[in-house]
C-alpha atoms as a PDB file:
ATOM      1  CA  MET A   1     147.898 147.246 144.499  1.00  0.00           C
ATOM      2  CA  ILE A   2     149.939 150.438 144.253  1.00  0.00           C
ATOM      3  CA  TYR A   3     149.417 151.110 147.947  1.00  0.00           C
ATOM      4  CA  ILE A   4     150.519 147.591 148.863  1.00  0.00           C
ATOM      5  CA  GLY A   5     153.669 147.934 146.763  1.00  0.00           C
ATOM      6  CA  ALA A   6     154.358 151.344 148.270  1.00  0.00           C
ATOM      7  CA  ALA A   7     153.850 150.001 151.790  1.00  0.00           C
ATOM      8  CA  LEU A   8     156.228 147.102 151.246  1.00  0.00           C
ATOM      9  CA  ALA A   9     158.838 149.425 149.752  1.00  0.00           C
ATOM     10  CA  GLU A  10     158.544 151.899 152.621  1.00  0.00           C
ATOM     11  CA  ILE A  11     158.626 149.240 155.329  1.00  0.00           C
ATOM     12  CA  ALA A  12     161.609 147.499 153.739  1.00  0.00           C
ATOM     13  CA  GLY A  13     163.447 150.817 153.464  1.00  0.00           C
ATOM     14  CA  CYS A  14     162.746 151.767 157.050  1.00  0.00           C
ATOM     15  CA  PHE A  15     163.657 148.256 158.194  1.00  0.00           C
ATOM     16  CA  GLY A  16     167.077 148.692 156.579  1.00  0.00           C
ATOM     17  CA  PHE A  17     167.661 151.833 158.634  1.00  0.00           C
ATOM     18  CA  TRP A  18     166.341 150.040 161.736  1.00  0.00           C
ATOM     19  CA  MET A  19     168.809 147.206 161.226  1.00  0.00           C
ATOM     20  CA  TRP A  20     171.693 149.641 160.737  1.00  0.00           C
ATOM     21  CA  LEU A  21     170.905 152.011 163.616  1.00  0.00           C
ATOM     22  CA  ARG A  22     169.208 149.755 166.159  1.00  0.00           C
ATOM     23  CA  GLN A  23     170.755 146.365 165.452  1.00  0.00           C
ATOM     24  CA  GLY A  24     174.293 147.520 164.641  1.00  0.00           C
ATOM     25  CA  ARG A  25     174.339 146.032 161.144  1.00  0.00           C
ATOM     26  CA  THR A  26     176.748 147.247 158.484  1.00  0.00           C
ATOM     27  CA  GLY A  27     176.126 150.478 156.587  1.00  0.00           C
ATOM     28  CA  TRP A  28     175.563 148.397 153.459  1.00  0.00           C
ATOM     29  CA  TRP A  29     172.002 147.947 154.690  1.00  0.00           C
ATOM     30  CA  LEU A  30     171.464 151.597 153.717  1.00  0.00           C
ATOM     31  CA  LEU A  31     171.876 151.139 149.965  1.00  0.00           C
ATOM     32  CA  PRO A  32     168.869 148.848 149.435  1.00  0.00           C
ATOM     33  CA  ALA A  33     167.003 150.837 152.102  1.00  0.00           C
ATOM     34  CA  LEU A  34     167.428 154.083 150.159  1.00  0.00           C
ATOM     35  CA  LEU A  35     166.471 152.441 146.857  1.00  0.00           C
ATOM     36  CA  SER A  36     163.400 150.981 148.498  1.00  0.00           C
ATOM     37  CA  LEU A  37     162.378 154.368 149.920  1.00  0.00           C
ATOM     38  CA  ALA A  38     162.801 155.958 146.479  1.00  0.00           C
ATOM     39  CA  ALA A  39     160.544 153.251 145.008  1.00  0.00           C
ATOM     40  CA  PHE A  40     157.988 153.997 147.741  1.00  0.00           C
ATOM     41  CA  ALA A  41     157.902 157.696 146.853  1.00  0.00           C
ATOM     42  CA  TYR A  42     157.580 156.933 143.150  1.00  0.00           C
ATOM     43  CA  LEU A  43     154.756 154.442 143.664  1.00  0.00           C
ATOM     44  CA  LEU A  44     152.671 156.950 145.611  1.00  0.00           C
ATOM     45  CA  THR A  45     152.755 159.287 142.604  1.00  0.00           C
ATOM     46  CA  LEU A  46     150.887 156.615 140.619  1.00  0.00           C
ATOM     47  CA  VAL A  47     147.787 156.691 142.843  1.00  0.00           C
ATOM     48  CA  GLU A  48     144.724 158.132 141.122  1.00  0.00           C
ATOM     49  CA  SER A  49     143.660 161.021 143.339  1.00  0.00           C
ATOM     50  CA  ASN A  50     142.900 164.677 142.768  1.00  0.00           C
ATOM     51  CA  ALA A  51     145.042 165.681 145.763  1.00  0.00           C
ATOM     52  CA  ALA A  52     148.368 164.331 146.990  1.00  0.00           C
ATOM     53  CA  GLY A  53     147.426 164.772 150.647  1.00  0.00           C
ATOM     54  CA  ARG A  54     144.312 162.649 150.204  1.00  0.00           C
ATOM     55  CA  ALA A  55     146.326 159.899 148.514  1.00  0.00           C
ATOM     56  CA  TYR A  56     148.853 159.988 151.369  1.00  0.00           C
ATOM     57  CA  ALA A  57     146.137 159.954 154.036  1.00  0.00           C
ATOM     58  CA  ALA A  58     144.463 156.907 152.500  1.00  0.00           C
ATOM     59  CA  TYR A  59     147.865 155.231 152.205  1.00  0.00           C
ATOM     60  CA  GLY A  60     148.238 155.481 155.997  1.00  0.00           C
ATOM     61  CA  GLY A  61     145.611 152.803 156.558  1.00  0.00           C
ATOM     62  CA  VAL A  62     147.244 150.418 154.110  1.00  0.00           C
ATOM     63  CA  TYR A  63     150.619 151.110 155.726  1.00  0.00           C
ATOM     64  CA  MET A  64     149.224 150.148 159.134  1.00  0.00           C
ATOM     65  CA  ALA A  65     147.945 146.790 157.877  1.00  0.00           C
ATOM     66  CA  ALA A  66     151.111 146.091 155.865  1.00  0.00           C
ATOM     67  CA  SER A  67     153.265 146.879 158.891  1.00  0.00           C
ATOM     68  CA  LEU A  68     151.431 144.257 160.911  1.00  0.00           C
ATOM     69  CA  ALA A  69     151.850 141.740 158.091  1.00  0.00           C
ATOM     70  CA  TRP A  70     155.593 142.551 158.126  1.00  0.00           C
ATOM     71  CA  LEU A  71     155.642 142.137 161.910  1.00  0.00           C
ATOM     72  CA  TRP A  72     154.229 138.644 161.518  1.00  0.00           C
ATOM     73  CA  THR A  73     156.031 137.379 158.403  1.00  0.00           C
ATOM     74  CA  VAL A  74     159.458 138.995 158.755  1.00  0.00           C
ATOM     75  CA  GLU A  75     159.848 139.530 162.495  1.00  0.00           C
ATOM     76  CA  GLY A  76     157.911 136.454 163.579  1.00  0.00           C
ATOM     77  CA  VAL A  77     155.635 138.314 166.009  1.00  0.00           C
ATOM     78  CA  ARG A  78     151.955 137.490 165.636  1.00  0.00           C
ATOM     79  CA  PRO A  79     149.661 140.550 165.794  1.00  0.00           C
ATOM     80  CA  ASP A  80     147.132 140.444 168.617  1.00  0.00           C
ATOM     81  CA  ARG A  81     143.453 141.329 168.508  1.00  0.00           C
ATOM     82  CA  TRP A  82     144.161 144.984 169.264  1.00  0.00           C
ATOM     83  CA  ASP A  83     146.610 145.201 166.375  1.00  0.00           C
ATOM     84  CA  LEU A  84     144.037 143.669 164.041  1.00  0.00           C
ATOM     85  CA  THR A  85     141.205 145.848 165.328  1.00  0.00           C
ATOM     86  CA  GLY A  86     143.286 148.991 164.865  1.00  0.00           C
ATOM     87  CA  ALA A  87     144.349 147.983 161.368  1.00  0.00           C
ATOM     88  CA  THR A  88     140.748 147.244 160.398  1.00  0.00           C
ATOM     89  CA  LEU A  89     139.626 150.669 161.591  1.00  0.00           C
ATOM     90  CA  CYS A  90     142.490 152.299 159.681  1.00  0.00           C
ATOM     91  CA  LEU A  91     141.540 150.489 156.468  1.00  0.00           C
ATOM     92  CA  ILE A  92     137.933 151.602 156.862  1.00  0.00           C
ATOM     93  CA  GLY A  93     139.149 155.163 157.351  1.00  0.00           C
ATOM     94  CA  ALA A  94     141.412 154.904 154.305  1.00  0.00           C
ATOM     95  CA  ALA A  95     138.496 153.740 152.157  1.00  0.00           C
ATOM     96  CA  ILE A  96     136.347 156.648 153.343  1.00  0.00           C
ATOM     97  CA  VAL A  97     139.109 159.173 152.631  1.00  0.00           C
ATOM     98  CA  LEU A  98     139.870 157.776 149.177  1.00  0.00           C
ATOM     99  CA  TRP A  99     136.405 156.879 147.903  1.00  0.00           C
ATOM    100  CA  GLY A 100     134.030 159.097 149.884  1.00  0.00           C
ATOM    101  CA  PRO A 101     131.658 161.218 147.808  1.00  0.00           C
ATOM    102  CA  ARG A 102     133.049 164.665 147.065  1.00  0.00           C
ATOM    103  CA  ALA A 103     131.262 167.877 146.258  1.00  0.00           C
ATOM    104  CA  ALA A 104     132.059 169.269 142.819  1.00  0.00           C
ATOM    105  CA  ALA A 105     134.843 171.808 143.038  1.00  0.00           C
END
């Protein structure tokens, strides 16, 4: 659940910058965007992992799937089979990175 919250916060924050820079919206889009990106960074610190890099790597798969959900729900573009196949592979990879057996250090 932390990864999903982090993904939504990151995507929303980046979307605010996208709207400002690419769609010519007012700079007021930046305030909620920055707050959302700060929430994203905070949420990732809550992930139970013995290494930050591993937590971030596993997050990448969740981010991919959440981005496609955003594409569909917010932007109104339905992901195609290649989008869904790629997201599935990323989620499998994220699970392996996060929960794969580790040798004792």
